[in-house]
C-alpha atoms as a PDB file:
ATOM      1  CA  MET A   1       0.000   0.000   0.000  1.00  0.00           C
ATOM      2  CA  ASN A   2       1.643   3.221  -1.194  1.00  0.00           C
ATOM      3  CA  ILE A   3       0.480   6.136   0.958  1.00  0.00           C
ATOM      4  CA  ASN A   4       1.559   9.691   0.189  1.00  0.00           C
ATOM      5  CA  TYR A   5       1.535  12.059   3.183  1.00  0.00           C
ATOM      6  CA  GLN A   6       1.026  15.728   2.333  1.00  0.00           C
ATOM      7  CA  ILE A   7       1.629  18.728   4.585  1.00  0.00           C
ATOM      8  CA  ASN A   8      -0.869  21.613   4.272  1.00  0.00           C
ATOM      9  CA  PRO A   9      -2.385  20.477   0.982  1.00  0.00           C
ATOM     10  CA  THR A  10      -5.287  22.223  -0.653  1.00  0.00           C
ATOM     11  CA  LEU A  11      -8.168  20.419   1.030  1.00  0.00           C
ATOM     12  CA  SER A  12     -11.690  21.021  -0.228  1.00  0.00           C
ATOM     13  CA  THR A  13     -14.736  21.047   1.989  1.00  0.00           C
ATOM     14  CA  LYS A  14     -16.055  18.023   0.096  1.00  0.00           C
ATOM     15  CA  GLU A  15     -12.829  16.048   0.637  1.00  0.00           C
ATOM     16  CA  PHE A  16     -12.768  16.897   4.343  1.00  0.00           C
ATOM     17  CA  ILE A  17     -16.409  15.900   4.817  1.00  0.00           C
ATOM     18  CA  ASP A  18     -15.775  12.703   2.843  1.00  0.00           C
ATOM     19  CA  ILE A  19     -12.904  11.505   5.053  1.00  0.00           C
ATOM     20  CA  LEU A  20     -14.743  12.524   8.232  1.00  0.00           C
ATOM     21  CA  SER A  21     -17.763  10.534   7.015  1.00  0.00           C
ATOM     22  CA  HIS A  22     -15.664   7.463   6.195  1.00  0.00           C
ATOM     23  CA  SER A  23     -14.151   7.476   9.677  1.00  0.00           C
ATOM     24  CA  THR A  24     -15.901   7.400  13.032  1.00  0.00           C
ATOM     25  CA  LEU A  25     -15.170  11.122  13.470  1.00  0.00           C
ATOM     26  CA  GLY A  26     -18.024  12.155  11.180  1.00  0.00           C
ATOM     27  CA  GLU A  27     -20.449  11.295  13.973  1.00  0.00           C
ATOM     28  CA  ARG A  28     -18.970  14.053  16.150  1.00  0.00           C
ATOM     29  CA  ARG A  29     -18.246  16.772  13.605  1.00  0.00           C
ATOM     30  CA  PRO A  30     -20.661  19.293  12.009  1.00  0.00           C
ATOM     31  CA  ILE A  31     -20.501  17.732   8.546  1.00  0.00           C
ATOM     32  CA  ASP A  32     -23.853  19.306   7.603  1.00  0.00           C
ATOM     33  CA  ASP A  33     -22.646  22.827   8.445  1.00  0.00           C
ATOM     34  CA  LEU A  34     -20.593  23.818   5.389  1.00  0.00           C
ATOM     35  CA  GLU A  35     -19.605  27.220   6.786  1.00  0.00           C
ATOM     36  CA  CYS A  36     -18.223  25.624   9.941  1.00  0.00           C
ATOM     37  CA  ILE A  37     -16.339  22.954   7.967  1.00  0.00           C
ATOM     38  CA  GLU A  38     -14.863  25.626   5.665  1.00  0.00           C
ATOM     39  CA  ASN A  39     -13.679  27.602   8.690  1.00  0.00           C
ATOM     40  CA  MET A  40     -12.231  24.475  10.294  1.00  0.00           C
ATOM     41  CA  ILE A  41     -10.051  24.028   7.218  1.00  0.00           C
ATOM     42  CA  LYS A  42      -9.243  27.708   6.665  1.00  0.00           C
ATOM     43  CA  ASN A  43      -8.251  28.397  10.272  1.00  0.00           C
ATOM     44  CA  ALA A  44      -6.188  25.281  10.899  1.00  0.00           C
ATOM     45  CA  ASP A  45      -2.471  25.862  11.393  1.00  0.00           C
ATOM     46  CA  ILE A  46      -1.452  22.402  10.162  1.00  0.00           C
ATOM     47  CA  ILE A  47      -3.264  19.854   8.031  1.00  0.00           C
ATOM     48  CA  VAL A  48      -1.679  16.553   7.084  1.00  0.00           C
ATOM     49  CA  THR A  49      -3.370  14.168   4.679  1.00  0.00           C
ATOM     50  CA  ALA A  50      -2.781  10.534   3.783  1.00  0.00           C
ATOM     51  CA  VAL A  51      -3.505   9.897   0.108  1.00  0.00           C
ATOM     52  CA  ILE A  52      -3.770   6.699  -1.934  1.00  0.00           C
ATOM     53  CA  ASP A  53      -4.329   7.058  -5.681  1.00  0.00           C
ATOM     54  CA  ASP A  54      -5.563  10.679  -5.354  1.00  0.00           C
ATOM     55  CA  LYS A  55      -8.077   9.699  -2.627  1.00  0.00           C
ATOM     56  CA  ILE A  56      -7.708  11.098   0.867  1.00  0.00           C
ATOM     57  CA  VAL A  57      -7.777   8.183   3.303  1.00  0.00           C
ATOM     58  CA  GLY A  58      -6.694  10.079   6.405  1.00  0.00           C
ATOM     59  CA  VAL A  59      -6.410  13.587   7.785  1.00  0.00           C
ATOM     60  CA  ALA A  60      -4.940  15.248  10.850  1.00  0.00           C
ATOM     61  CA  ARG A  61      -5.872  18.861  11.580  1.00  0.00           C
ATOM     62  CA  ALA A  62      -4.429  21.059  14.318  1.00  0.00           C
ATOM     63  CA  VAL A  63      -4.220  24.543  15.757  1.00  0.00           C
ATOM     64  CA  THR A  64      -0.903  25.470  17.315  1.00  0.00           C
ATOM     65  CA  ASP A  65       1.617  28.121  18.298  1.00  0.00           C
ATOM     66  CA  PHE A  66       4.346  25.737  16.994  1.00  0.00           C
ATOM     67  CA  SER A  67       6.402  26.219  20.179  1.00  0.00           C
ATOM     68  CA  TYR A  68       4.534  25.268  23.325  1.00  0.00           C
ATOM     69  CA  CYS A  69       1.345  23.432  22.407  1.00  0.00           C
ATOM     70  CA  CYS A  70      -0.478  21.900  19.491  1.00  0.00           C
ATOM     71  CA  TYR A  71      -4.133  20.933  19.759  1.00  0.00           C
ATOM     72  CA  LEU A  72      -4.751  17.966  17.474  1.00  0.00           C
ATOM     73  CA  SER A  73      -8.393  18.703  16.803  1.00  0.00           C
ATOM     74  CA  ASP A  74      -9.091  16.019  14.192  1.00  0.00           C
ATOM     75  CA  LEU A  75      -7.523  12.662  13.424  1.00  0.00           C
ATOM     76  CA  ALA A  76      -9.631  10.755  10.917  1.00  0.00           C
ATOM     77  CA  VAL A  77      -8.695   7.579   9.061  1.00  0.00           C
ATOM     78  CA  ASP A  78     -10.944   5.724   6.650  1.00  0.00           C
ATOM     79  CA  ALA A  79     -12.517   2.866   8.643  1.00  0.00           C
ATOM     80  CA  GLU A  80     -11.197   0.300   6.146  1.00  0.00           C
ATOM     81  CA  LEU A  81      -7.588   1.427   6.780  1.00  0.00           C
ATOM     82  CA  GLN A  82      -7.673   1.769  10.545  1.00  0.00           C
ATOM     83  CA  HIS A  83      -5.171  -0.407  12.441  1.00  0.00           C
ATOM     84  CA  HIS A  84      -2.627  -0.108   9.596  1.00  0.00           C
ATOM     85  CA  GLY A  85      -0.488   2.709  11.029  1.00  0.00           C
ATOM     86  CA  VAL A  86      -2.050   5.555   9.015  1.00  0.00           C
ATOM     87  CA  GLY A  87      -3.151   7.532  12.088  1.00  0.00           C
ATOM     88  CA  LYS A  88       0.215   7.067  13.763  1.00  0.00           C
ATOM     89  CA  MET A  89       2.030   8.299  10.653  1.00  0.00           C
ATOM     90  CA  LEU A  90      -0.279  11.329  10.385  1.00  0.00           C
ATOM     91  CA  ILE A  91       0.667  12.233  13.961  1.00  0.00           C
ATOM     92  CA  ILE A  92       4.384  11.693  13.236  1.00  0.00           C
ATOM     93  CA  LYS A  93       4.204  13.924  10.147  1.00  0.00           C
ATOM     94  CA  MET A  94       2.358  16.587  12.117  1.00  0.00           C
ATOM     95  CA  ARG A  95       4.849  16.442  14.958  1.00  0.00           C
ATOM     96  CA  GLU A  96       7.691  17.001  12.469  1.00  0.00           C
ATOM     97  CA  GLN A  97       6.171  20.435  11.756  1.00  0.00           C
ATOM     98  CA  LEU A  98       6.368  21.494  15.410  1.00  0.00           C
ATOM     99  CA  GLY A  99       9.160  22.902  17.555  1.00  0.00           C
ATOM    100  CA  SER A 100      11.132  20.454  19.685  1.00  0.00           C
ATOM    101  CA  LYS A 101       9.430  21.558  22.933  1.00  0.00           C
ATOM    102  CA  CYS A 102       5.882  21.611  21.567  1.00  0.00           C
ATOM    103  CA  LYS A 103       3.490  19.168  23.224  1.00  0.00           C
ATOM    104  CA  MET A 104       0.518  17.677  21.426  1.00  0.00           C
ATOM    105  CA  ILE A 105      -2.892  17.785  23.115  1.00  0.00           C
ATOM    106  CA  LEU A 106      -6.155  16.136  22.050  1.00  0.00           C
ATOM    107  CA  LEU A 107      -9.579  15.052  23.184  1.00  0.00           C
ATOM    108  CA  SER A 108     -10.110  11.436  22.231  1.00  0.00           C
ATOM    109  CA  ALA A 109     -13.173  10.033  20.568  1.00  0.00           C
ATOM    110  CA  PRO A 110     -14.751   7.506  22.940  1.00  0.00           C
ATOM    111  CA  SER A 111     -13.893   4.646  20.596  1.00  0.00           C
ATOM    112  CA  ALA A 112     -10.213   5.684  20.494  1.00  0.00           C
ATOM    113  CA  VAL A 113      -9.348   6.041  24.191  1.00  0.00           C
ATOM    114  CA  GLU A 114      -7.363   2.787  24.094  1.00  0.00           C
ATOM    115  CA  TYR A 115      -5.421   3.834  20.965  1.00  0.00           C
ATOM    116  CA  TYR A 116      -3.541   6.895  22.175  1.00  0.00           C
ATOM    117  CA  PRO A 117      -1.683   5.298  25.115  1.00  0.00           C
ATOM    118  CA  LYS A 118      -0.420   2.622  22.696  1.00  0.00           C
ATOM    119  CA  ILE A 119       1.412   5.243  20.633  1.00  0.00           C
ATOM    120  CA  GLY A 120       2.846   7.197  23.574  1.00  0.00           C
ATOM    121  CA  PHE A 121       0.207   9.695  24.706  1.00  0.00           C
ATOM    122  CA  SER A 122      -0.404  10.022  28.432  1.00  0.00           C
ATOM    123  CA  GLN A 123      -3.832  10.746  29.853  1.00  0.00           C
ATOM    124  CA  HIS A 124      -4.395  14.107  31.522  1.00  0.00           C
ATOM    125  CA  SER A 125      -6.862  14.192  34.379  1.00  0.00           C
ATOM    126  CA  SER A 126      -7.804  17.861  34.290  1.00  0.00           C
ATOM    127  CA  ALA A 127      -8.944  18.692  30.758  1.00  0.00           C
ATOM    128  CA  TRP A 128     -12.077  20.822  30.628  1.00  0.00           C
ATOM    129  CA  VAL A 129     -14.546  21.669  27.858  1.00  0.00           C
ATOM    130  CA  LEU A 130     -16.985  24.580  27.633  1.00  0.00           C
ATOM    131  CA  ASP A 131     -19.593  23.915  24.954  1.00  0.00           C
ATOM    132  CA  SER A 132     -20.652  26.862  22.801  1.00  0.00           C
ATOM    133  CA  TYR A 133     -24.235  26.774  24.078  1.00  0.00           C
ATOM    134  CA  LYS A 134     -23.229  26.901  27.758  1.00  0.00           C
ATOM    135  CA  GLU A 135     -23.252  30.170  29.656  1.00  0.00           C
ATOM    136  CA  ILE A 136     -20.133  31.284  31.475  1.00  0.00           C
ATOM    137  CA  LEU A 137     -21.159  31.603  35.094  1.00  0.00           C
END
């Protein structure tokens, strides 16, 4: 299997929605909100894609300062190619774009909580989320 990894490629809204939909991540992303998806692509600091025969089979998307922290906001791999090292390689390629002291941070999909420790991530006990619809008290 010949996979080409691309750093900051031109990624269309359709391609992004397609890979999200073919992974489990589509269930937790606003794939019906085109404006939001467009902004997710446009405002990302790093996007890495995995491509086979001109078809995107994986994507990693992050926002970062490149020095201290990188929030890996999306890691999506086509369900048929999961467990073949594509996600791990997307993370490696992304990490190569960061400074040597930059840590990677993510919120795991429920189905992937067992995956991240296997590739070296440690669990953090004090992550917090404030949903957009919640009032700040």
